[in-house]
């Protein structure tokens, strides 16, 4: 299983799982991730962006491997990739 760094956007937070979108994932749109996989001290709420090592070719949630979860740095407004100030993506 090949792991790649990917952005994980938290959509919903429950007591034991989060629902998230893995932006670069080919076959899965939204996945459930156990809260126990997220290191303590990382604040997680809807809209939080994380970075993790993920096997992007997983076809089912049961095949998904995700490790090394970290809080993503905030977008750089000067990199040409962030939306104009005051606007949001998605």
C-alpha atoms as a PDB file:
ATOM      1  CA  UNK A   1       0.000   0.000   0.000  1.00  0.00           C
ATOM      2  CA  UNK A   2       1.538   3.285  -1.144  1.00  0.00           C
ATOM      3  CA  UNK A   3       0.878   6.264   1.114  1.00  0.00           C
ATOM      4  CA  UNK A   4       0.838   9.875  -0.096  1.00  0.00           C
ATOM      5  CA  UNK A   5       0.494  13.158   1.805  1.00  0.00           C
ATOM      6  CA  UNK A   6      -3.054  14.417   1.412  1.00  0.00           C
ATOM      7  CA  UNK A   7      -5.331  17.114   2.736  1.00  0.00           C
ATOM      8  CA  UNK A   8      -8.178  15.810   4.879  1.00  0.00           C
ATOM      9  CA  UNK A   9     -11.058  18.242   5.395  1.00  0.00           C
ATOM     10  CA  UNK A  10     -13.248  17.508   8.410  1.00  0.00           C
ATOM     11  CA  UNK A  11     -16.950  17.702   7.535  1.00  0.00           C
ATOM     12  CA  UNK A  12     -18.599  16.394  10.718  1.00  0.00           C
ATOM     13  CA  UNK A  13     -17.387  15.400  14.199  1.00  0.00           C
ATOM     14  CA  UNK A  14     -18.979  12.724  16.382  1.00  0.00           C
ATOM     15  CA  UNK A  15     -17.916  11.189  19.678  1.00  0.00           C
ATOM     16  CA  UNK A  16     -15.910   8.334  18.128  1.00  0.00           C
ATOM     17  CA  UNK A  17     -15.551   9.191  14.436  1.00  0.00           C
ATOM     18  CA  UNK A  18     -15.206  12.120  12.100  1.00  0.00           C
ATOM     19  CA  UNK A  19     -16.594  12.318   8.580  1.00  0.00           C
ATOM     20  CA  UNK A  20     -14.026  13.794   6.242  1.00  0.00           C
ATOM     21  CA  UNK A  21     -13.258  14.486   2.611  1.00  0.00           C
ATOM     22  CA  UNK A  22      -9.830  13.439   1.368  1.00  0.00           C
ATOM     23  CA  UNK A  23      -9.262  15.931  -1.412  1.00  0.00           C
ATOM     24  CA  UNK A  24      -6.933  13.841  -3.601  1.00  0.00           C
ATOM     25  CA  UNK A  25      -8.670  10.475  -3.069  1.00  0.00           C
ATOM     26  CA  UNK A  26      -9.611   8.909  -6.417  1.00  0.00           C
ATOM     27  CA  UNK A  27     -12.450   6.529  -5.486  1.00  0.00           C
ATOM     28  CA  UNK A  28     -13.818   7.742  -2.142  1.00  0.00           C
ATOM     29  CA  UNK A  29     -15.605  11.051  -1.637  1.00  0.00           C
ATOM     30  CA  UNK A  30     -16.324  11.030   2.074  1.00  0.00           C
ATOM     31  CA  UNK A  31     -14.897   8.683   4.681  1.00  0.00           C
ATOM     32  CA  UNK A  32     -15.243   7.914   8.380  1.00  0.00           C
ATOM     33  CA  UNK A  33     -12.060   8.162  10.456  1.00  0.00           C
ATOM     34  CA  UNK A  34     -11.805   7.018  14.056  1.00  0.00           C
ATOM     35  CA  UNK A  35     -11.143   9.850  16.488  1.00  0.00           C
ATOM     36  CA  UNK A  36      -8.575   7.594  18.174  1.00  0.00           C
ATOM     37  CA  UNK A  37      -6.342   7.985  15.075  1.00  0.00           C
ATOM     38  CA  UNK A  38      -6.120  11.742  15.580  1.00  0.00           C
ATOM     39  CA  UNK A  39      -3.354  12.726  18.009  1.00  0.00           C
ATOM     40  CA  UNK A  40      -4.444  14.388  21.223  1.00  0.00           C
ATOM     41  CA  UNK A  41      -3.990  18.117  21.163  1.00  0.00           C
ATOM     42  CA  UNK A  42      -5.192  18.560  17.575  1.00  0.00           C
ATOM     43  CA  UNK A  43      -8.416  20.587  17.707  1.00  0.00           C
ATOM     44  CA  UNK A  44     -10.971  19.010  15.390  1.00  0.00           C
ATOM     45  CA  UNK A  45     -14.208  20.623  14.270  1.00  0.00           C
ATOM     46  CA  UNK A  46     -16.125  20.922  11.003  1.00  0.00           C
ATOM     47  CA  UNK A  47     -13.913  22.788   8.540  1.00  0.00           C
ATOM     48  CA  UNK A  48     -10.605  21.777  10.151  1.00  0.00           C
ATOM     49  CA  UNK A  49      -7.944  20.868   7.596  1.00  0.00           C
ATOM     50  CA  UNK A  50      -5.551  18.067   8.410  1.00  0.00           C
ATOM     51  CA  UNK A  51      -2.604  16.574   6.557  1.00  0.00           C
ATOM     52  CA  UNK A  52      -2.054  12.812   6.641  1.00  0.00           C
ATOM     53  CA  UNK A  53      -0.374   9.930   4.847  1.00  0.00           C
ATOM     54  CA  UNK A  54      -3.173   8.181   2.929  1.00  0.00           C
ATOM     55  CA  UNK A  55      -3.406   5.411   0.349  1.00  0.00           C
ATOM     56  CA  UNK A  56      -5.255   7.387  -2.295  1.00  0.00           C
ATOM     57  CA  UNK A  57      -6.135   4.352  -4.424  1.00  0.00           C
ATOM     58  CA  UNK A  58      -8.482   2.802  -1.817  1.00  0.00           C
ATOM     59  CA  UNK A  59     -11.780   1.777  -3.394  1.00  0.00           C
ATOM     60  CA  UNK A  60     -13.635   1.200  -0.101  1.00  0.00           C
ATOM     61  CA  UNK A  61     -13.391   2.774   3.336  1.00  0.00           C
ATOM     62  CA  UNK A  62     -12.263  -0.603   4.695  1.00  0.00           C
ATOM     63  CA  UNK A  63      -9.187  -0.409   2.420  1.00  0.00           C
ATOM     64  CA  UNK A  64      -8.280   3.107   3.515  1.00  0.00           C
ATOM     65  CA  UNK A  65      -5.001   3.496   5.347  1.00  0.00           C
ATOM     66  CA  UNK A  66      -4.351   6.774   7.114  1.00  0.00           C
ATOM     67  CA  UNK A  67      -1.391   7.616   9.368  1.00  0.00           C
ATOM     68  CA  UNK A  68       0.717  10.559  10.567  1.00  0.00           C
ATOM     69  CA  UNK A  69      -2.252  12.892  10.985  1.00  0.00           C
ATOM     70  CA  UNK A  70      -1.266  16.523  11.628  1.00  0.00           C
ATOM     71  CA  UNK A  71      -2.987  19.876  11.678  1.00  0.00           C
ATOM     72  CA  UNK A  72      -2.548  21.546   8.286  1.00  0.00           C
ATOM     73  CA  UNK A  73      -1.001  25.001   8.209  1.00  0.00           C
ATOM     74  CA  UNK A  74      -3.387  27.840   7.351  1.00  0.00           C
ATOM     75  CA  UNK A  75      -3.646  28.772   3.674  1.00  0.00           C
ATOM     76  CA  UNK A  76      -1.111  31.343   2.454  1.00  0.00           C
ATOM     77  CA  UNK A  77      -3.134  34.232   0.991  1.00  0.00           C
ATOM     78  CA  UNK A  78      -0.192  35.207  -1.236  1.00  0.00           C
ATOM     79  CA  UNK A  79       0.491  31.828  -2.898  1.00  0.00           C
ATOM     80  CA  UNK A  80      -2.062  32.299  -5.681  1.00  0.00           C
ATOM     81  CA  UNK A  81      -3.945  29.181  -4.542  1.00  0.00           C
ATOM     82  CA  UNK A  82      -6.076  30.562  -1.715  1.00  0.00           C
ATOM     83  CA  UNK A  83      -9.450  32.143  -2.599  1.00  0.00           C
ATOM     84  CA  UNK A  84      -9.592  35.952  -2.576  1.00  0.00           C
ATOM     85  CA  UNK A  85      -9.944  37.410   0.899  1.00  0.00           C
ATOM     86  CA  UNK A  86     -13.488  37.102   2.187  1.00  0.00           C
ATOM     87  CA  UNK A  87     -14.394  34.214  -0.153  1.00  0.00           C
ATOM     88  CA  UNK A  88     -14.411  30.511   0.640  1.00  0.00           C
ATOM     89  CA  UNK A  89     -13.897  27.439  -1.524  1.00  0.00           C
ATOM     90  CA  UNK A  90     -16.506  24.705  -1.847  1.00  0.00           C
END
